[in-house]
Amino acid sequence: MPLPDASRRYPITLPDGTDHAGTVFLNRVIENPRFRAGDHSYASDFDPPKDWAARLAPYLFPTSAETLTLGRFCQIAHGVRFITASANHAQNGITCFPFPVFDPAQMASYQPDRRDTVVGHDVWIGYGAMILPGARIGNGAIIGAGAVVRGTVPAYAVVTGNPGQVIRFRFDPDTIARLQSLAWWDWPPDLIARAEPALLSGDLAALAALAP
């Protein structure tokens, strides 16, 4: 079957023919220039917001120095929050109180932490997970429900807990290297649609046979 239309705001059509407003393709709804999402990356929420960027990344402002980047085919569950670098306070003084924030002359230039947050392709982030400033999550990773993630998450790792820890890898190292090389998320949409059976069944040989 063909892929969901990446240009749609609401990619799920219910049996009665109506759009499911609780799931959106993010690059159709995000208006914050510091928040970038690839095609087919979606978020779901039981209480769909008017401003999806503010719901998912409440400290990422249009004037922030950092960016939040999501790859293609990411899956973001209800309650996920990205706590981006603009939320951080300076920690190298006697106090962490952000005095410059209250001075209009200093506010725009004051940001102690400027690290970007980067999420790879085909990453599943489970219910209520929290992604902290500067996190870098590799392709194919799974972030468990309620996990608190900082630092670097390797490709195809499964992370749970607070603090988030890698509890296992989804595949052996050779398979991970092959998947990284195939990079199916970069294929043309019609080819990804043809690869759907291999992707869902875990048939690496069949997937490799389709590689452009």
C-alpha atoms as a PDB file:
ATOM      1  CA  MET A   1       0.000   0.000   0.000  1.00  0.00           C
ATOM      2  CA  PRO A   2       1.198   3.586  -0.545  1.00  0.00           C
ATOM      3  CA  LEU A   3       2.748   5.594   2.246  1.00  0.00           C
ATOM      4  CA  PRO A   4       0.575   8.072   4.160  1.00  0.00           C
ATOM      5  CA  ASP A   5       0.488  11.396   2.346  1.00  0.00           C
ATOM      6  CA  ALA A   6       3.326  13.398   3.905  1.00  0.00           C
ATOM      7  CA  SER A   7       1.566  16.653   3.036  1.00  0.00           C
ATOM      8  CA  ARG A   8      -1.425  15.909   5.272  1.00  0.00           C
ATOM      9  CA  ARG A   9      -1.821  17.556   8.663  1.00  0.00           C
ATOM     10  CA  TYR A  10      -3.827  14.600  10.012  1.00  0.00           C
ATOM     11  CA  PRO A  11      -2.415  11.361   8.558  1.00  0.00           C
ATOM     12  CA  ILE A  12      -4.904   8.966  10.211  1.00  0.00           C
ATOM     13  CA  THR A  13      -8.399   8.582   8.772  1.00  0.00           C
ATOM     14  CA  LEU A  14     -10.897   6.879  11.078  1.00  0.00           C
ATOM     15  CA  PRO A  15     -13.347   4.210   9.827  1.00  0.00           C
ATOM     16  CA  ASP A  16     -16.133   6.811   9.649  1.00  0.00           C
ATOM     17  CA  GLY A  17     -14.025   8.874   7.234  1.00  0.00           C
ATOM     18  CA  THR A  18     -13.097  11.666   9.649  1.00  0.00           C
ATOM     19  CA  ASP A  19      -9.572  12.797  10.457  1.00  0.00           C
ATOM     20  CA  HIS A  20      -8.060  11.778  13.787  1.00  0.00           C
ATOM     21  CA  ALA A  21      -7.107  15.182  15.213  1.00  0.00           C
ATOM     22  CA  GLY A  22      -4.966  13.642  17.958  1.00  0.00           C
ATOM     23  CA  THR A  23      -2.172  12.613  15.582  1.00  0.00           C
ATOM     24  CA  VAL A  24      -0.355  15.034  13.296  1.00  0.00           C
ATOM     25  CA  PHE A  25       2.569  15.032  10.929  1.00  0.00           C
ATOM     26  CA  LEU A  26       4.816  17.501  12.711  1.00  0.00           C
ATOM     27  CA  ASN A  27       6.245  19.311   9.717  1.00  0.00           C
ATOM     28  CA  ARG A  28       2.653  20.226   8.779  1.00  0.00           C
ATOM     29  CA  VAL A  29       1.897  21.891  12.128  1.00  0.00           C
ATOM     30  CA  ILE A  30       5.175  23.227  13.561  1.00  0.00           C
ATOM     31  CA  GLU A  31       5.609  26.958  13.004  1.00  0.00           C
ATOM     32  CA  ASN A  32       8.566  27.558  15.324  1.00  0.00           C
ATOM     33  CA  PRO A  33      11.658  28.136  13.119  1.00  0.00           C
ATOM     34  CA  ARG A  34      13.884  26.470  15.748  1.00  0.00           C
ATOM     35  CA  PHE A  35      11.935  23.192  15.577  1.00  0.00           C
ATOM     36  CA  ARG A  36      12.495  21.028  12.505  1.00  0.00           C
ATOM     37  CA  ALA A  37      10.885  17.677  11.757  1.00  0.00           C
ATOM     38  CA  GLY A  38      11.349  15.358   8.802  1.00  0.00           C
ATOM     39  CA  ASP A  39       8.637  13.846   6.619  1.00  0.00           C
ATOM     40  CA  HIS A  40       6.307  11.299   8.226  1.00  0.00           C
ATOM     41  CA  SER A  41       7.409  12.104  11.787  1.00  0.00           C
ATOM     42  CA  TYR A  42       4.276  12.309  13.891  1.00  0.00           C
ATOM     43  CA  ALA A  43       3.149  13.172  17.407  1.00  0.00           C
ATOM     44  CA  SER A  44       0.014  12.019  19.204  1.00  0.00           C
ATOM     45  CA  ASP A  45      -1.800  13.680  22.084  1.00  0.00           C
ATOM     46  CA  PHE A  46      -5.057  12.857  23.881  1.00  0.00           C
ATOM     47  CA  ASP A  47      -5.677  16.603  24.235  1.00  0.00           C
ATOM     48  CA  PRO A  48      -4.506  17.997  20.886  1.00  0.00           C
ATOM     49  CA  PRO A  49      -3.003  21.467  21.325  1.00  0.00           C
ATOM     50  CA  LYS A  50      -3.335  24.450  19.047  1.00  0.00           C
ATOM     51  CA  ASP A  51       0.432  24.961  19.234  1.00  0.00           C
ATOM     52  CA  TRP A  52       2.187  21.602  18.894  1.00  0.00           C
ATOM     53  CA  ALA A  53       5.659  23.134  19.123  1.00  0.00           C
ATOM     54  CA  ALA A  54       4.873  24.766  22.460  1.00  0.00           C
ATOM     55  CA  ARG A  55       3.344  21.548  23.806  1.00  0.00           C
ATOM     56  CA  LEU A  56       6.304  19.364  22.853  1.00  0.00           C
ATOM     57  CA  ALA A  57       9.122  21.842  23.486  1.00  0.00           C
ATOM     58  CA  PRO A  58       7.806  24.520  25.868  1.00  0.00           C
ATOM     59  CA  TYR A  59      11.175  26.257  26.348  1.00  0.00           C
ATOM     60  CA  LEU A  60      12.057  26.445  22.661  1.00  0.00           C
ATOM     61  CA  PHE A  61      11.266  29.997  21.642  1.00  0.00           C
ATOM     62  CA  PRO A  62      11.524  31.510  18.148  1.00  0.00           C
ATOM     63  CA  THR A  63      14.398  33.603  19.508  1.00  0.00           C
ATOM     64  CA  SER A  64      16.236  30.655  21.119  1.00  0.00           C
ATOM     65  CA  ALA A  65      19.842  30.013  20.129  1.00  0.00           C
ATOM     66  CA  GLU A  66      19.411  26.229  19.931  1.00  0.00           C
ATOM     67  CA  THR A  67      17.469  24.033  17.541  1.00  0.00           C
ATOM     68  CA  LEU A  68      15.435  20.858  17.981  1.00  0.00           C
ATOM     69  CA  THR A  69      15.707  18.539  14.989  1.00  0.00           C
ATOM     70  CA  LEU A  70      13.781  15.319  14.394  1.00  0.00           C
ATOM     71  CA  GLY A  71      14.539  12.994  11.499  1.00  0.00           C
ATOM     72  CA  ARG A  72      12.026  11.176   9.304  1.00  0.00           C
ATOM     73  CA  PHE A  73       9.519   8.569  10.492  1.00  0.00           C
ATOM     74  CA  CYS A  74       9.823   9.440  14.206  1.00  0.00           C
ATOM     75  CA  GLN A  75       6.966   8.450  16.502  1.00  0.00           C
ATOM     76  CA  ILE A  76       6.221  10.740  19.466  1.00  0.00           C
ATOM     77  CA  ALA A  77       3.737   9.551  22.090  1.00  0.00           C
ATOM     78  CA  HIS A  78       1.451  11.553  24.371  1.00  0.00           C
ATOM     79  CA  GLY A  79       3.185  13.461  27.159  1.00  0.00           C
ATOM     80  CA  VAL A  80       6.670  13.583  25.613  1.00  0.00           C
ATOM     81  CA  ARG A  81       8.560  16.786  26.398  1.00  0.00           C
ATOM     82  CA  PHE A  82      11.773  18.129  24.951  1.00  0.00           C
ATOM     83  CA  ILE A  83      13.445  20.348  27.561  1.00  0.00           C
ATOM     84  CA  THR A  84      15.703  22.352  25.290  1.00  0.00           C
ATOM     85  CA  ALA A  85      18.753  24.435  26.149  1.00  0.00           C
ATOM     86  CA  SER A  86      16.849  27.682  26.655  1.00  0.00           C
ATOM     87  CA  ALA A  87      15.445  26.189  29.861  1.00  0.00           C
ATOM     88  CA  ASN A  88      18.866  25.922  31.502  1.00  0.00           C
ATOM     89  CA  HIS A  89      20.241  28.370  34.063  1.00  0.00           C
ATOM     90  CA  ALA A  90      23.890  29.324  34.452  1.00  0.00           C
ATOM     91  CA  GLN A  91      25.589  27.194  37.089  1.00  0.00           C
ATOM     92  CA  ASN A  92      29.072  28.706  37.330  1.00  0.00           C
ATOM     93  CA  GLY A  93      28.227  31.532  39.712  1.00  0.00           C
ATOM     94  CA  ILE A  94      27.171  31.713  43.340  1.00  0.00           C
ATOM     95  CA  THR A  95      23.507  31.729  42.345  1.00  0.00           C
ATOM     96  CA  CYS A  96      21.553  30.165  39.487  1.00  0.00           C
ATOM     97  CA  PHE A  97      19.033  33.022  39.537  1.00  0.00           C
ATOM     98  CA  PRO A  98      18.767  34.367  35.944  1.00  0.00           C
ATOM     99  CA  PHE A  99      18.984  38.099  36.657  1.00  0.00           C
ATOM    100  CA  PRO A 100      19.487  39.091  32.960  1.00  0.00           C
ATOM    101  CA  VAL A 101      16.154  37.526  31.997  1.00  0.00           C
ATOM    102  CA  PHE A 102      14.407  40.330  33.866  1.00  0.00           C
ATOM    103  CA  ASP A 103      16.335  43.078  32.058  1.00  0.00           C
ATOM    104  CA  PRO A 104      14.973  43.796  28.563  1.00  0.00           C
ATOM    105  CA  ALA A 105      18.393  45.083  27.468  1.00  0.00           C
ATOM    106  CA  GLN A 106      20.081  41.767  28.317  1.00  0.00           C
ATOM    107  CA  MET A 107      17.265  39.290  27.780  1.00  0.00           C
ATOM    108  CA  ALA A 108      17.783  38.645  24.066  1.00  0.00           C
ATOM    109  CA  SER A 109      21.514  37.910  24.329  1.00  0.00           C
ATOM    110  CA  TYR A 110      21.413  35.894  27.558  1.00  0.00           C
ATOM    111  CA  GLN A 111      21.384  32.128  27.098  1.00  0.00           C
ATOM    112  CA  PRO A 112      23.930  30.148  29.127  1.00  0.00           C
ATOM    113  CA  ASP A 113      23.250  26.852  27.322  1.00  0.00           C
ATOM    114  CA  ARG A 114      23.069  26.753  23.510  1.00  0.00           C
ATOM    115  CA  ARG A 115      23.284  23.029  22.756  1.00  0.00           C
ATOM    116  CA  ASP A 116      21.066  21.642  20.017  1.00  0.00           C
ATOM    117  CA  THR A 117      18.885  18.575  20.537  1.00  0.00           C
ATOM    118  CA  VAL A 118      19.005  16.067  17.678  1.00  0.00           C
ATOM    119  CA  VAL A 119      16.804  13.012  17.161  1.00  0.00           C
ATOM    120  CA  GLY A 120      17.641  10.653  14.296  1.00  0.00           C
ATOM    121  CA  HIS A 121      15.326   8.792  11.938  1.00  0.00           C
ATOM    122  CA  ASP A 122      12.771   6.117  12.877  1.00  0.00           C
ATOM    123  CA  VAL A 123      12.983   6.877  16.606  1.00  0.00           C
ATOM    124  CA  TRP A 124      10.095   5.878  18.874  1.00  0.00           C
ATOM    125  CA  ILE A 125       9.732   8.031  22.000  1.00  0.00           C
ATOM    126  CA  GLY A 126       7.261   6.521  24.451  1.00  0.00           C
ATOM    127  CA  TYR A 127       4.578   7.985  26.702  1.00  0.00           C
ATOM    128  CA  GLY A 128       5.767  10.738  29.025  1.00  0.00           C
ATOM    129  CA  ALA A 129       9.459  10.540  28.165  1.00  0.00           C
ATOM    130  CA  MET A 130      11.582  13.623  28.795  1.00  0.00           C
ATOM    131  CA  ILE A 131      14.464  14.547  26.505  1.00  0.00           C
ATOM    132  CA  LEU A 132      16.955  16.911  28.141  1.00  0.00           C
ATOM    133  CA  PRO A 133      19.081  19.687  26.577  1.00  0.00           C
ATOM    134  CA  GLY A 134      21.757  18.581  24.153  1.00  0.00           C
ATOM    135  CA  ALA A 135      20.535  14.990  23.834  1.00  0.00           C
ATOM    136  CA  ARG A 136      21.460  13.187  20.618  1.00  0.00           C
ATOM    137  CA  ILE A 137      19.406  10.127  19.862  1.00  0.00           C
ATOM    138  CA  GLY A 138      20.562   7.740  17.156  1.00  0.00           C
ATOM    139  CA  ASN A 139      18.532   6.229  14.327  1.00  0.00           C
ATOM    140  CA  GLY A 140      16.121   3.449  15.217  1.00  0.00           C
ATOM    141  CA  ALA A 141      16.349   3.996  18.980  1.00  0.00           C
ATOM    142  CA  ILE A 142      13.447   3.312  21.326  1.00  0.00           C
ATOM    143  CA  ILE A 143      12.954   5.605  24.338  1.00  0.00           C
ATOM    144  CA  GLY A 144      10.752   3.871  26.900  1.00  0.00           C
ATOM    145  CA  ALA A 145       7.757   5.425  28.613  1.00  0.00           C
ATOM    146  CA  GLY A 146       8.765   7.869  31.335  1.00  0.00           C
ATOM    147  CA  ALA A 147      12.474   7.725  30.520  1.00  0.00           C
ATOM    148  CA  VAL A 148      14.608  10.793  31.179  1.00  0.00           C
ATOM    149  CA  VAL A 149      17.245  11.031  28.479  1.00  0.00           C
ATOM    150  CA  ARG A 150      20.432  13.065  28.364  1.00  0.00           C
ATOM    151  CA  GLY A 151      23.649  12.731  26.397  1.00  0.00           C
ATOM    152  CA  THR A 152      24.080  10.388  23.438  1.00  0.00           C
ATOM    153  CA  VAL A 153      21.863   7.394  22.695  1.00  0.00           C
ATOM    154  CA  PRO A 154      23.414   4.960  20.179  1.00  0.00           C
ATOM    155  CA  ALA A 155      21.537   3.847  17.083  1.00  0.00           C
ATOM    156  CA  TYR A 156      18.994   1.081  17.705  1.00  0.00           C
ATOM    157  CA  ALA A 157      19.434   1.240  21.484  1.00  0.00           C
ATOM    158  CA  VAL A 158      16.526   0.748  23.876  1.00  0.00           C
ATOM    159  CA  VAL A 159      16.580   3.242  26.758  1.00  0.00           C
ATOM    160  CA  THR A 160      14.472   3.145  29.922  1.00  0.00           C
ATOM    161  CA  GLY A 161      14.461   4.686  33.388  1.00  0.00           C
ATOM    162  CA  ASN A 162      15.569   7.845  35.166  1.00  0.00           C
ATOM    163  CA  PRO A 163      18.327   8.503  34.446  1.00  0.00           C
ATOM    164  CA  GLY A 164      17.852   6.843  31.084  1.00  0.00           C
ATOM    165  CA  GLN A 165      20.071   3.802  30.565  1.00  0.00           C
ATOM    166  CA  VAL A 166      20.639   1.589  27.537  1.00  0.00           C
ATOM    167  CA  ILE A 167      19.145  -1.763  28.549  1.00  0.00           C
ATOM    168  CA  ARG A 168      19.734  -3.548  25.261  1.00  0.00           C
ATOM    169  CA  PHE A 169      20.138  -3.105  21.529  1.00  0.00           C
ATOM    170  CA  ARG A 170      17.443  -4.062  19.083  1.00  0.00           C
ATOM    171  CA  PHE A 171      19.860  -5.870  16.777  1.00  0.00           C
ATOM    172  CA  ASP A 172      23.394  -7.236  16.724  1.00  0.00           C
ATOM    173  CA  PRO A 173      26.224  -4.861  15.687  1.00  0.00           C
ATOM    174  CA  ASP A 174      26.469  -6.180  12.116  1.00  0.00           C
ATOM    175  CA  THR A 175      22.739  -5.748  11.538  1.00  0.00           C
ATOM    176  CA  ILE A 176      22.822  -2.230  12.979  1.00  0.00           C
ATOM    177  CA  ALA A 177      25.708  -1.302  10.687  1.00  0.00           C
ATOM    178  CA  ARG A 178      23.803  -2.681   7.691  1.00  0.00           C
ATOM    179  CA  LEU A 179      20.647  -0.788   8.589  1.00  0.00           C
ATOM    180  CA  GLN A 180      22.609   2.410   9.016  1.00  0.00           C
ATOM    181  CA  SER A 181      24.136   1.864   5.587  1.00  0.00           C
ATOM    182  CA  LEU A 182      20.805   1.087   3.923  1.00  0.00           C
ATOM    183  CA  ALA A 183      19.207   4.235   5.456  1.00  0.00           C
ATOM    184  CA  TRP A 184      15.772   3.223   4.189  1.00  0.00           C
ATOM    185  CA  TRP A 185      14.225   6.454   5.520  1.00  0.00           C
ATOM    186  CA  ASP A 186      16.051   8.329   2.740  1.00  0.00           C
ATOM    187  CA  TRP A 187      14.595   6.184  -0.043  1.00  0.00           C
ATOM    188  CA  PRO A 188      11.930   7.535  -2.419  1.00  0.00           C
ATOM    189  CA  PRO A 189       8.404   7.137  -1.044  1.00  0.00           C
ATOM    190  CA  ASP A 190       7.353   4.573  -3.640  1.00  0.00           C
ATOM    191  CA  LEU A 191      10.345   2.388  -2.778  1.00  0.00           C
ATOM    192  CA  ILE A 192       9.660   2.644   0.971  1.00  0.00           C
ATOM    193  CA  ALA A 193       6.088   1.572   0.264  1.00  0.00           C
ATOM    194  CA  ARG A 194       7.394  -1.492  -1.590  1.00  0.00           C
ATOM    195  CA  ALA A 195       9.724  -2.215   1.327  1.00  0.00           C
ATOM    196  CA  GLU A 196       6.932  -2.146   3.920  1.00  0.00           C
ATOM    197  CA  PRO A 197       6.616  -5.959   4.209  1.00  0.00           C
ATOM    198  CA  ALA A 198      10.365  -6.323   4.743  1.00  0.00           C
ATOM    199  CA  LEU A 199      10.441  -3.467   7.262  1.00  0.00           C
ATOM    200  CA  LEU A 200       7.572  -4.899   9.282  1.00  0.00           C
ATOM    201  CA  SER A 201       8.778  -8.496   9.203  1.00  0.00           C
ATOM    202  CA  GLY A 202      12.426  -7.747   9.945  1.00  0.00           C
ATOM    203  CA  ASP A 203      13.578  -9.323   6.672  1.00  0.00           C
ATOM    204  CA  LEU A 204      16.939  -7.622   6.213  1.00  0.00           C
ATOM    205  CA  ALA A 205      17.786  -9.589   3.085  1.00  0.00           C
ATOM    206  CA  ALA A 206      14.557  -8.543   1.381  1.00  0.00           C
ATOM    207  CA  LEU A 207      15.129  -4.952   2.417  1.00  0.00           C
ATOM    208  CA  ALA A 208      18.679  -4.981   1.092  1.00  0.00           C
ATOM    209  CA  ALA A 209      17.470  -6.444  -2.201  1.00  0.00           C
ATOM    210  CA  LEU A 210      15.290  -3.371  -2.734  1.00  0.00           C
ATOM    211  CA  ALA A 211      18.033  -0.831  -1.978  1.00  0.00           C
ATOM    212  CA  PRO A 212      18.475   1.738  -4.743  1.00  0.00           C
END
